[in-house]
């Protein structure tokens, strides 16, 4: 990489480790766990070694080790202790922090190294649900609070999407075990956030059903062409930022699609809530992909 961030502010460390800046200052003063350099204006500056050590300290602290005990250990002792006590559950937190560091530094190699390490103990579904979803939720909060820039979110999201597409391709090469329904996945016009709908595609395929994935920003009228080839259609869409008026969209879908085709529409996403009006019993709002999977 031509750009790898080597110096970090105390705010950077707070974002990447989850440890508040005032706690870091206290740990430095009382236990000397980190020894940052300081600028002429007395602003702290930390190196990569400081960051790695802090991530390890954070991991131990979250697993019941008091900072007073950790501070007495040498750096290699801290690293070895982290390796020894890592388990399937708490390794998720380490992986999330590693992925955050990958994102922060645009470091693809670290992403792949962390992902391949997870594959030793988890399947793809477990990695996505236990690590990628909490990671993306955390990144969303960081972006909302201006702790990271959109370019960071795009970088890590596209790497996750690559893994999703690879696993979807493997399933697409298998003959569907169930043919009583045909699932069509799409996003409404101007909706570009496709990670969730891609994961829904993966889950449906893994449960043995055929899918037709149509992707982002699809005009509603284009869906009418599908009945020439398929029957028993189940449309699935995910509303993240679009449509602006979900009630109107569902009403239009009812008149333009459901009245013409033998189909249903299952909708997910934060723009769907308990106040959304459902113009037909063939339109269902689901709270999560887990609920969708239960209805397969």
C-alpha atoms as a PDB file:
ATOM      1  CA  UNK A   1       0.000   0.000   0.000  1.00  0.00           C
ATOM      2  CA  UNK A   2       1.266   3.448  -0.887  1.00  0.00           C
ATOM      3  CA  UNK A   3      -0.620   4.873   2.088  1.00  0.00           C
ATOM      4  CA  UNK A   4      -0.565   3.276   5.504  1.00  0.00           C
ATOM      5  CA  UNK A   5      -1.348   5.521   8.417  1.00  0.00           C
ATOM      6  CA  UNK A   6       1.516   5.283  10.905  1.00  0.00           C
ATOM      7  CA  UNK A   7       0.646   8.022  13.372  1.00  0.00           C
ATOM      8  CA  UNK A   8      -2.584   8.248  15.337  1.00  0.00           C
ATOM      9  CA  UNK A   9      -4.213  10.827  17.555  1.00  0.00           C
ATOM     10  CA  UNK A  10      -5.849   9.901  20.853  1.00  0.00           C
ATOM     11  CA  UNK A  11      -9.197  10.290  19.062  1.00  0.00           C
ATOM     12  CA  UNK A  12      -8.067   7.723  16.485  1.00  0.00           C
ATOM     13  CA  UNK A  13      -7.216   5.277  19.273  1.00  0.00           C
ATOM     14  CA  UNK A  14     -10.580   5.874  20.925  1.00  0.00           C
ATOM     15  CA  UNK A  15     -12.388   5.085  17.660  1.00  0.00           C
ATOM     16  CA  UNK A  16     -10.370   1.958  16.864  1.00  0.00           C
ATOM     17  CA  UNK A  17     -10.178   0.462  20.350  1.00  0.00           C
ATOM     18  CA  UNK A  18     -13.471   1.569  21.890  1.00  0.00           C
ATOM     19  CA  UNK A  19     -11.629   2.917  24.953  1.00  0.00           C
ATOM     20  CA  UNK A  20     -12.552   6.497  25.849  1.00  0.00           C
ATOM     21  CA  UNK A  21      -9.854   9.157  25.525  1.00  0.00           C
ATOM     22  CA  UNK A  22     -10.119  10.174  29.178  1.00  0.00           C
ATOM     23  CA  UNK A  23      -9.564   6.516  30.197  1.00  0.00           C
ATOM     24  CA  UNK A  24      -6.488   6.329  27.955  1.00  0.00           C
ATOM     25  CA  UNK A  25      -5.063   9.466  29.543  1.00  0.00           C
ATOM     26  CA  UNK A  26      -5.656   8.013  32.997  1.00  0.00           C
ATOM     27  CA  UNK A  27      -4.011   4.691  32.061  1.00  0.00           C
ATOM     28  CA  UNK A  28      -0.993   6.532  30.675  1.00  0.00           C
ATOM     29  CA  UNK A  29      -0.609   8.686  33.771  1.00  0.00           C
ATOM     30  CA  UNK A  30      -1.218   5.952  36.357  1.00  0.00           C
ATOM     31  CA  UNK A  31       0.156   2.835  34.662  1.00  0.00           C
ATOM     32  CA  UNK A  32       2.358   4.071  31.776  1.00  0.00           C
ATOM     33  CA  UNK A  33       0.772   1.522  29.425  1.00  0.00           C
ATOM     34  CA  UNK A  34       1.520   3.790  26.445  1.00  0.00           C
ATOM     35  CA  UNK A  35       4.206   6.407  25.963  1.00  0.00           C
ATOM     36  CA  UNK A  36       3.077   8.683  23.150  1.00  0.00           C
ATOM     37  CA  UNK A  37       5.230  11.244  21.457  1.00  0.00           C
ATOM     38  CA  UNK A  38       4.088  14.824  21.811  1.00  0.00           C
ATOM     39  CA  UNK A  39       4.025  17.719  19.394  1.00  0.00           C
ATOM     40  CA  UNK A  40       5.350  21.157  20.205  1.00  0.00           C
ATOM     41  CA  UNK A  41       1.856  22.053  21.338  1.00  0.00           C
ATOM     42  CA  UNK A  42       1.789  18.995  23.665  1.00  0.00           C
ATOM     43  CA  UNK A  43      -0.652  16.960  21.535  1.00  0.00           C
ATOM     44  CA  UNK A  44      -0.274  13.191  21.844  1.00  0.00           C
ATOM     45  CA  UNK A  45       0.841  11.151  18.815  1.00  0.00           C
ATOM     46  CA  UNK A  46       0.821   7.324  18.749  1.00  0.00           C
ATOM     47  CA  UNK A  47       2.488   4.803  16.443  1.00  0.00           C
ATOM     48  CA  UNK A  48       1.287   1.476  15.021  1.00  0.00           C
ATOM     49  CA  UNK A  49       2.940  -0.421  17.884  1.00  0.00           C
ATOM     50  CA  UNK A  50       0.979   1.678  20.368  1.00  0.00           C
ATOM     51  CA  UNK A  51      -2.253   0.909  18.530  1.00  0.00           C
ATOM     52  CA  UNK A  52      -1.593  -2.827  18.403  1.00  0.00           C
ATOM     53  CA  UNK A  53      -0.698  -2.897  22.077  1.00  0.00           C
ATOM     54  CA  UNK A  54      -3.834  -0.955  22.977  1.00  0.00           C
ATOM     55  CA  UNK A  55      -6.029  -3.352  20.974  1.00  0.00           C
ATOM     56  CA  UNK A  56      -4.515  -6.236  22.949  1.00  0.00           C
ATOM     57  CA  UNK A  57      -4.960  -4.393  26.246  1.00  0.00           C
ATOM     58  CA  UNK A  58      -8.573  -3.652  25.335  1.00  0.00           C
ATOM     59  CA  UNK A  59      -9.150  -7.344  24.563  1.00  0.00           C
ATOM     60  CA  UNK A  60      -7.704  -8.448  27.926  1.00  0.00           C
ATOM     61  CA  UNK A  61      -9.602  -5.783  29.815  1.00  0.00           C
ATOM     62  CA  UNK A  62     -12.885  -6.871  28.217  1.00  0.00           C
ATOM     63  CA  UNK A  63     -12.113 -10.422  29.317  1.00  0.00           C
ATOM     64  CA  UNK A  64     -11.752  -9.620  33.000  1.00  0.00           C
ATOM     65  CA  UNK A  65      -8.096  -8.578  33.331  1.00  0.00           C
ATOM     66  CA  UNK A  66      -7.624  -5.407  35.356  1.00  0.00           C
ATOM     67  CA  UNK A  67      -5.421  -2.709  33.901  1.00  0.00           C
ATOM     68  CA  UNK A  68      -3.263  -2.792  37.039  1.00  0.00           C
ATOM     69  CA  UNK A  69      -2.350  -6.404  36.231  1.00  0.00           C
ATOM     70  CA  UNK A  70      -1.941  -5.837  32.477  1.00  0.00           C
ATOM     71  CA  UNK A  71       0.402  -2.910  33.061  1.00  0.00           C
ATOM     72  CA  UNK A  72       2.914  -5.205  34.783  1.00  0.00           C
ATOM     73  CA  UNK A  73       3.251  -7.441  31.715  1.00  0.00           C
ATOM     74  CA  UNK A  74       5.780  -7.041  28.921  1.00  0.00           C
ATOM     75  CA  UNK A  75       4.506  -6.473  25.403  1.00  0.00           C
ATOM     76  CA  UNK A  76       5.234 -10.049  24.275  1.00  0.00           C
ATOM     77  CA  UNK A  77       3.546 -11.401  27.417  1.00  0.00           C
ATOM     78  CA  UNK A  78       0.438  -9.372  26.630  1.00  0.00           C
ATOM     79  CA  UNK A  79       0.386 -10.665  23.043  1.00  0.00           C
ATOM     80  CA  UNK A  80       0.839 -14.289  24.151  1.00  0.00           C
ATOM     81  CA  UNK A  81      -1.876 -13.975  26.786  1.00  0.00           C
ATOM     82  CA  UNK A  82      -4.279 -12.663  24.154  1.00  0.00           C
ATOM     83  CA  UNK A  83      -3.552 -15.683  21.953  1.00  0.00           C
ATOM     84  CA  UNK A  84      -3.993 -18.111  24.834  1.00  0.00           C
ATOM     85  CA  UNK A  85      -7.376 -16.882  26.018  1.00  0.00           C
ATOM     86  CA  UNK A  86      -8.921 -16.271  22.586  1.00  0.00           C
ATOM     87  CA  UNK A  87     -12.101 -18.280  22.062  1.00  0.00           C
ATOM     88  CA  UNK A  88     -14.743 -18.478  19.332  1.00  0.00           C
ATOM     89  CA  UNK A  89     -16.931 -15.835  20.961  1.00  0.00           C
ATOM     90  CA  UNK A  90     -14.461 -13.214  22.070  1.00  0.00           C
ATOM     91  CA  UNK A  91     -12.378 -13.583  18.909  1.00  0.00           C
ATOM     92  CA  UNK A  92     -15.286 -11.821  17.208  1.00  0.00           C
ATOM     93  CA  UNK A  93     -14.380  -8.575  18.991  1.00  0.00           C
ATOM     94  CA  UNK A  94     -10.746  -8.886  17.980  1.00  0.00           C
ATOM     95  CA  UNK A  95     -11.756  -9.543  14.383  1.00  0.00           C
ATOM     96  CA  UNK A  96     -14.030  -6.485  14.361  1.00  0.00           C
ATOM     97  CA  UNK A  97     -11.206  -4.296  15.640  1.00  0.00           C
ATOM     98  CA  UNK A  98      -8.853  -5.787  13.066  1.00  0.00           C
ATOM     99  CA  UNK A  99     -11.340  -5.063  10.287  1.00  0.00           C
ATOM    100  CA  UNK A 100     -11.687  -1.492  11.581  1.00  0.00           C
ATOM    101  CA  UNK A 101      -7.922  -1.077  11.384  1.00  0.00           C
ATOM    102  CA  UNK A 102      -8.007  -2.503   7.856  1.00  0.00           C
ATOM    103  CA  UNK A 103     -10.677   0.036   6.946  1.00  0.00           C
ATOM    104  CA  UNK A 104      -8.867   2.926   8.574  1.00  0.00           C
ATOM    105  CA  UNK A 105      -5.629   2.174   6.700  1.00  0.00           C
ATOM    106  CA  UNK A 106      -7.192   0.922   3.456  1.00  0.00           C
ATOM    107  CA  UNK A 107      -5.280  -2.269   4.131  1.00  0.00           C
ATOM    108  CA  UNK A 108      -6.660  -5.118   1.987  1.00  0.00           C
ATOM    109  CA  UNK A 109      -4.049  -7.597   3.174  1.00  0.00           C
ATOM    110  CA  UNK A 110      -5.138  -7.201   6.794  1.00  0.00           C
ATOM    111  CA  UNK A 111      -8.774  -7.692   5.754  1.00  0.00           C
ATOM    112  CA  UNK A 112      -8.016 -10.969   3.971  1.00  0.00           C
ATOM    113  CA  UNK A 113      -5.728 -12.182   6.746  1.00  0.00           C
ATOM    114  CA  UNK A 114      -8.420 -11.553   9.366  1.00  0.00           C
ATOM    115  CA  UNK A 115     -11.147 -13.122   7.224  1.00  0.00           C
ATOM    116  CA  UNK A 116      -9.092 -16.251   6.512  1.00  0.00           C
ATOM    117  CA  UNK A 117      -8.331 -16.588  10.206  1.00  0.00           C
ATOM    118  CA  UNK A 118     -12.056 -16.543  10.988  1.00  0.00           C
ATOM    119  CA  UNK A 119     -12.697 -19.245   8.382  1.00  0.00           C
ATOM    120  CA  UNK A 120     -10.688 -21.691  10.491  1.00  0.00           C
ATOM    121  CA  UNK A 121     -13.460 -21.819  13.102  1.00  0.00           C
ATOM    122  CA  UNK A 122     -16.563 -20.370  11.380  1.00  0.00           C
ATOM    123  CA  UNK A 123     -18.584 -20.814   8.224  1.00  0.00           C
ATOM    124  CA  UNK A 124     -19.524 -17.830   6.071  1.00  0.00           C
ATOM    125  CA  UNK A 125     -22.971 -17.387   7.652  1.00  0.00           C
ATOM    126  CA  UNK A 126     -21.418 -17.222  11.142  1.00  0.00           C
ATOM    127  CA  UNK A 127     -18.805 -14.721   9.971  1.00  0.00           C
ATOM    128  CA  UNK A 128     -21.439 -12.493   8.384  1.00  0.00           C
ATOM    129  CA  UNK A 129     -23.874 -12.607  11.301  1.00  0.00           C
ATOM    130  CA  UNK A 130     -21.397 -12.543  14.198  1.00  0.00           C
ATOM    131  CA  UNK A 131     -18.711 -10.252  12.755  1.00  0.00           C
ATOM    132  CA  UNK A 132     -19.710  -8.393   9.578  1.00  0.00           C
ATOM    133  CA  UNK A 133     -23.144  -7.227  10.778  1.00  0.00           C
ATOM    134  CA  UNK A 134     -21.836  -5.814  14.115  1.00  0.00           C
ATOM    135  CA  UNK A 135     -18.901  -4.308  12.201  1.00  0.00           C
ATOM    136  CA  UNK A 136     -21.180  -2.551   9.707  1.00  0.00           C
ATOM    137  CA  UNK A 137     -23.443  -1.301  12.504  1.00  0.00           C
ATOM    138  CA  UNK A 138     -20.401   0.104  14.312  1.00  0.00           C
ATOM    139  CA  UNK A 139     -19.085   1.696  11.115  1.00  0.00           C
ATOM    140  CA  UNK A 140     -22.482   3.288  10.537  1.00  0.00           C
ATOM    141  CA  UNK A 141     -22.289   4.966  13.926  1.00  0.00           C
ATOM    142  CA  UNK A 142     -18.702   6.103  13.287  1.00  0.00           C
ATOM    143  CA  UNK A 143     -19.770   7.644   9.992  1.00  0.00           C
ATOM    144  CA  UNK A 144     -22.757   9.381  11.569  1.00  0.00           C
ATOM    145  CA  UNK A 145     -20.530  10.935  14.234  1.00  0.00           C
ATOM    146  CA  UNK A 146     -17.899  12.043  11.662  1.00  0.00           C
ATOM    147  CA  UNK A 147     -15.283   9.712  13.147  1.00  0.00           C
ATOM    148  CA  UNK A 148     -14.631   8.270   9.686  1.00  0.00           C
ATOM    149  CA  UNK A 149     -15.247   9.427   6.122  1.00  0.00           C
ATOM    150  CA  UNK A 150     -17.550   7.824   3.534  1.00  0.00           C
ATOM    151  CA  UNK A 151     -14.469   6.591   1.663  1.00  0.00           C
ATOM    152  CA  UNK A 152     -13.654   4.309   4.620  1.00  0.00           C
ATOM    153  CA  UNK A 153     -17.148   2.855   4.632  1.00  0.00           C
ATOM    154  CA  UNK A 154     -17.038   2.263   0.875  1.00  0.00           C
ATOM    155  CA  UNK A 155     -13.676   0.492   1.131  1.00  0.00           C
ATOM    156  CA  UNK A 156     -14.719  -2.037   3.778  1.00  0.00           C
ATOM    157  CA  UNK A 157     -18.244  -2.513   2.379  1.00  0.00           C
ATOM    158  CA  UNK A 158     -16.899  -3.448  -1.040  1.00  0.00           C
ATOM    159  CA  UNK A 159     -14.496  -5.997   0.444  1.00  0.00           C
ATOM    160  CA  UNK A 160     -17.393  -7.566   2.359  1.00  0.00           C
ATOM    161  CA  UNK A 161     -19.460  -7.524  -0.839  1.00  0.00           C
ATOM    162  CA  UNK A 162     -16.708  -9.440  -2.633  1.00  0.00           C
ATOM    163  CA  UNK A 163     -16.965 -12.227  -0.073  1.00  0.00           C
ATOM    164  CA  UNK A 164     -20.755 -12.258  -0.352  1.00  0.00           C
ATOM    165  CA  UNK A 165     -20.611 -12.546  -4.131  1.00  0.00           C
ATOM    166  CA  UNK A 166     -18.102 -15.393  -3.990  1.00  0.00           C
ATOM    167  CA  UNK A 167     -20.301 -17.379  -1.621  1.00  0.00           C
ATOM    168  CA  UNK A 168     -23.428 -16.614  -3.644  1.00  0.00           C
ATOM    169  CA  UNK A 169     -21.713 -17.847  -6.803  1.00  0.00           C
ATOM    170  CA  UNK A 170     -20.905 -21.177  -5.148  1.00  0.00           C
ATOM    171  CA  UNK A 171     -24.582 -21.675  -4.255  1.00  0.00           C
ATOM    172  CA  UNK A 172     -25.795 -20.600  -7.696  1.00  0.00           C
ATOM    173  CA  UNK A 173     -23.882 -23.465  -9.264  1.00  0.00           C
ATOM    174  CA  UNK A 174     -25.965 -25.980  -7.323  1.00  0.00           C
ATOM    175  CA  UNK A 175     -29.338 -27.202  -8.586  1.00  0.00           C
ATOM    176  CA  UNK A 176     -32.181 -25.795  -6.423  1.00  0.00           C
ATOM    177  CA  UNK A 177     -33.679 -28.417  -4.107  1.00  0.00           C
ATOM    178  CA  UNK A 178     -37.007 -26.562  -3.842  1.00  0.00           C
ATOM    179  CA  UNK A 179     -39.026 -25.211  -6.748  1.00  0.00           C
ATOM    180  CA  UNK A 180     -42.381 -24.296  -5.203  1.00  0.00           C
ATOM    181  CA  UNK A 181     -41.385 -20.601  -5.077  1.00  0.00           C
ATOM    182  CA  UNK A 182     -39.231 -18.317  -7.207  1.00  0.00           C
ATOM    183  CA  UNK A 183     -37.667 -15.419  -5.285  1.00  0.00           C
ATOM    184  CA  UNK A 184     -36.927 -12.144  -7.067  1.00  0.00           C
ATOM    185  CA  UNK A 185     -34.676  -9.712  -5.206  1.00  0.00           C
ATOM    186  CA  UNK A 186     -34.454  -6.054  -6.180  1.00  0.00           C
ATOM    187  CA  UNK A 187     -34.050  -2.544  -4.813  1.00  0.00           C
ATOM    188  CA  UNK A 188     -36.391   0.340  -5.702  1.00  0.00           C
ATOM    189  CA  UNK A 189     -35.268   3.206  -7.883  1.00  0.00           C
ATOM    190  CA  UNK A 190     -32.404   5.303  -6.444  1.00  0.00           C
ATOM    191  CA  UNK A 191     -31.757   2.721  -3.705  1.00  0.00           C
ATOM    192  CA  UNK A 192     -28.088   1.719  -3.916  1.00  0.00           C
ATOM    193  CA  UNK A 193     -27.414   0.066  -0.536  1.00  0.00           C
ATOM    194  CA  UNK A 194     -27.297  -3.570  -1.594  1.00  0.00           C
ATOM    195  CA  UNK A 195     -25.365  -5.480   1.088  1.00  0.00           C
ATOM    196  CA  UNK A 196     -28.491  -6.511   2.982  1.00  0.00           C
ATOM    197  CA  UNK A 197     -30.385  -7.668  -0.115  1.00  0.00           C
ATOM    198  CA  UNK A 198     -27.297  -9.564  -1.273  1.00  0.00           C
ATOM    199  CA  UNK A 199     -27.165 -11.363   2.057  1.00  0.00           C
ATOM    200  CA  UNK A 200     -30.867 -12.172   1.771  1.00  0.00           C
ATOM    201  CA  UNK A 201     -30.046 -13.658  -1.639  1.00  0.00           C
ATOM    202  CA  UNK A 202     -27.347 -15.806  -0.034  1.00  0.00           C
ATOM    203  CA  UNK A 203     -29.715 -17.069   2.671  1.00  0.00           C
ATOM    204  CA  UNK A 204     -32.495 -17.958   0.237  1.00  0.00           C
ATOM    205  CA  UNK A 205     -30.068 -19.825  -2.031  1.00  0.00           C
ATOM    206  CA  UNK A 206     -28.581 -21.677   0.931  1.00  0.00           C
ATOM    207  CA  UNK A 207     -32.089 -22.868   1.841  1.00  0.00           C
ATOM    208  CA  UNK A 208     -32.417 -24.505  -1.557  1.00  0.00           C
ATOM    209  CA  UNK A 209     -34.629 -22.018  -3.429  1.00  0.00           C
ATOM    210  CA  UNK A 210     -33.941 -20.486  -6.849  1.00  0.00           C
ATOM    211  CA  UNK A 211     -33.434 -16.722  -6.938  1.00  0.00           C
ATOM    212  CA  UNK A 212     -33.444 -14.017  -9.574  1.00  0.00           C
ATOM    213  CA  UNK A 213     -31.252 -11.171  -8.356  1.00  0.00           C
ATOM    214  CA  UNK A 214     -31.996  -7.891 -10.151  1.00  0.00           C
ATOM    215  CA  UNK A 215     -29.909  -5.541  -8.006  1.00  0.00           C
ATOM    216  CA  UNK A 216     -30.004  -1.813  -7.411  1.00  0.00           C
ATOM    217  CA  UNK A 217     -32.371   0.948  -8.523  1.00  0.00           C
ATOM    218  CA  UNK A 218     -34.891  -1.080 -10.522  1.00  0.00           C
ATOM    219  CA  UNK A 219     -37.941   0.597 -12.098  1.00  0.00           C
ATOM    220  CA  UNK A 220     -41.093  -1.072 -10.810  1.00  0.00           C
ATOM    221  CA  UNK A 221     -42.598  -1.607 -14.268  1.00  0.00           C
ATOM    222  CA  UNK A 222     -39.676  -3.831 -15.288  1.00  0.00           C
ATOM    223  CA  UNK A 223     -40.859  -6.500 -12.861  1.00  0.00           C
ATOM    224  CA  UNK A 224     -43.869  -7.328 -15.031  1.00  0.00           C
ATOM    225  CA  UNK A 225     -41.635  -9.093 -17.578  1.00  0.00           C
ATOM    226  CA  UNK A 226     -40.859 -11.911 -15.155  1.00  0.00           C
ATOM    227  CA  UNK A 227     -44.233 -13.634 -15.337  1.00  0.00           C
ATOM    228  CA  UNK A 228     -43.473 -14.611 -18.933  1.00  0.00           C
ATOM    229  CA  UNK A 229     -40.829 -17.003 -17.606  1.00  0.00           C
ATOM    230  CA  UNK A 230     -41.634 -17.701 -13.938  1.00  0.00           C
ATOM    231  CA  UNK A 231     -44.676 -18.303 -11.782  1.00  0.00           C
ATOM    232  CA  UNK A 232     -45.169 -18.405  -8.001  1.00  0.00           C
ATOM    233  CA  UNK A 233     -43.096 -15.249  -7.630  1.00  0.00           C
ATOM    234  CA  UNK A 234     -42.013 -13.838  -4.281  1.00  0.00           C
ATOM    235  CA  UNK A 235     -40.546 -10.361  -4.654  1.00  0.00           C
ATOM    236  CA  UNK A 236     -38.142  -9.235  -1.932  1.00  0.00           C
ATOM    237  CA  UNK A 237     -36.938  -5.667  -1.516  1.00  0.00           C
ATOM    238  CA  UNK A 238     -34.963  -3.709   1.064  1.00  0.00           C
ATOM    239  CA  UNK A 239     -35.816  -0.068   1.796  1.00  0.00           C
ATOM    240  CA  UNK A 240     -32.827   1.750   3.331  1.00  0.00           C
ATOM    241  CA  UNK A 241     -33.086   5.322   2.013  1.00  0.00           C
ATOM    242  CA  UNK A 242     -35.696   4.812  -0.706  1.00  0.00           C
ATOM    243  CA  UNK A 243     -38.560   5.084  -1.480  1.00  0.00           C
ATOM    244  CA  UNK A 244     -39.193   8.493   0.025  1.00  0.00           C
ATOM    245  CA  UNK A 245     -42.877   7.628   0.431  1.00  0.00           C
ATOM    246  CA  UNK A 246     -43.113   3.895   1.303  1.00  0.00           C
ATOM    247  CA  UNK A 247     -46.927   3.998   1.524  1.00  0.00           C
ATOM    248  CA  UNK A 248     -47.267   5.301  -2.031  1.00  0.00           C
ATOM    249  CA  UNK A 249     -44.682   2.838  -3.325  1.00  0.00           C
ATOM    250  CA  UNK A 250     -46.521  -0.128  -1.811  1.00  0.00           C
ATOM    251  CA  UNK A 251     -49.848   1.161  -3.123  1.00  0.00           C
ATOM    252  CA  UNK A 252     -48.367   1.473  -6.622  1.00  0.00           C
ATOM    253  CA  UNK A 253     -46.814  -1.982  -6.325  1.00  0.00           C
ATOM    254  CA  UNK A 254     -50.199  -3.405  -5.405  1.00  0.00           C
ATOM    255  CA  UNK A 255     -51.900  -1.913  -8.487  1.00  0.00           C
ATOM    256  CA  UNK A 256     -49.088  -2.342 -11.021  1.00  0.00           C
ATOM    257  CA  UNK A 257     -47.649  -5.727 -10.020  1.00  0.00           C
ATOM    258  CA  UNK A 258     -49.691  -7.747  -7.537  1.00  0.00           C
ATOM    259  CA  UNK A 259     -53.003  -7.290  -9.377  1.00  0.00           C
ATOM    260  CA  UNK A 260     -51.373  -8.462 -12.611  1.00  0.00           C
ATOM    261  CA  UNK A 261     -49.101 -11.303 -11.421  1.00  0.00           C
ATOM    262  CA  UNK A 262     -49.375 -14.340  -9.176  1.00  0.00           C
ATOM    263  CA  UNK A 263     -46.978 -12.957  -6.580  1.00  0.00           C
ATOM    264  CA  UNK A 264     -46.239 -11.554  -3.136  1.00  0.00           C
ATOM    265  CA  UNK A 265     -43.925  -8.789  -1.914  1.00  0.00           C
ATOM    266  CA  UNK A 266     -41.785  -9.138   1.207  1.00  0.00           C
ATOM    267  CA  UNK A 267     -40.181  -5.882   2.344  1.00  0.00           C
ATOM    268  CA  UNK A 268     -37.397  -5.196   4.849  1.00  0.00           C
ATOM    269  CA  UNK A 269     -35.396  -2.153   5.866  1.00  0.00           C
ATOM    270  CA  UNK A 270     -35.468   0.845   8.155  1.00  0.00           C
ATOM    271  CA  UNK A 271     -37.894   2.786   5.932  1.00  0.00           C
ATOM    272  CA  UNK A 272     -40.501   0.141   6.754  1.00  0.00           C
ATOM    273  CA  UNK A 273     -42.036   0.352  10.196  1.00  0.00           C
ATOM    274  CA  UNK A 274     -45.264  -0.328  12.037  1.00  0.00           C
ATOM    275  CA  UNK A 275     -46.915   2.770  10.538  1.00  0.00           C
ATOM    276  CA  UNK A 276     -46.513   1.629   6.922  1.00  0.00           C
ATOM    277  CA  UNK A 277     -49.889   0.950   5.307  1.00  0.00           C
ATOM    278  CA  UNK A 278     -50.199  -2.428   3.599  1.00  0.00           C
ATOM    279  CA  UNK A 279     -52.685  -2.247   0.700  1.00  0.00           C
ATOM    280  CA  UNK A 280     -52.788  -6.020   0.250  1.00  0.00           C
ATOM    281  CA  UNK A 281     -52.405  -9.170   2.330  1.00  0.00           C
ATOM    282  CA  UNK A 282     -49.882 -10.215  -0.301  1.00  0.00           C
ATOM    283  CA  UNK A 283     -47.504  -7.503   0.932  1.00  0.00           C
ATOM    284  CA  UNK A 284     -45.645  -8.313   4.130  1.00  0.00           C
ATOM    285  CA  UNK A 285     -43.165  -6.232   6.146  1.00  0.00           C
ATOM    286  CA  UNK A 286     -40.460  -8.156   7.978  1.00  0.00           C
ATOM    287  CA  UNK A 287     -38.301  -6.918  10.820  1.00  0.00           C
ATOM    288  CA  UNK A 288     -35.156  -8.809   9.845  1.00  0.00           C
ATOM    289  CA  UNK A 289     -33.576 -11.295   7.475  1.00  0.00           C
ATOM    290  CA  UNK A 290     -33.897 -13.844  10.287  1.00  0.00           C
ATOM    291  CA  UNK A 291     -37.680 -13.433  10.131  1.00  0.00           C
ATOM    292  CA  UNK A 292     -37.551 -13.815   6.358  1.00  0.00           C
ATOM    293  CA  UNK A 293     -35.580 -17.054   6.701  1.00  0.00           C
ATOM    294  CA  UNK A 294     -38.146 -18.421   9.169  1.00  0.00           C
ATOM    295  CA  UNK A 295     -40.884 -17.886   6.572  1.00  0.00           C
ATOM    296  CA  UNK A 296     -39.085 -19.733   3.771  1.00  0.00           C
END
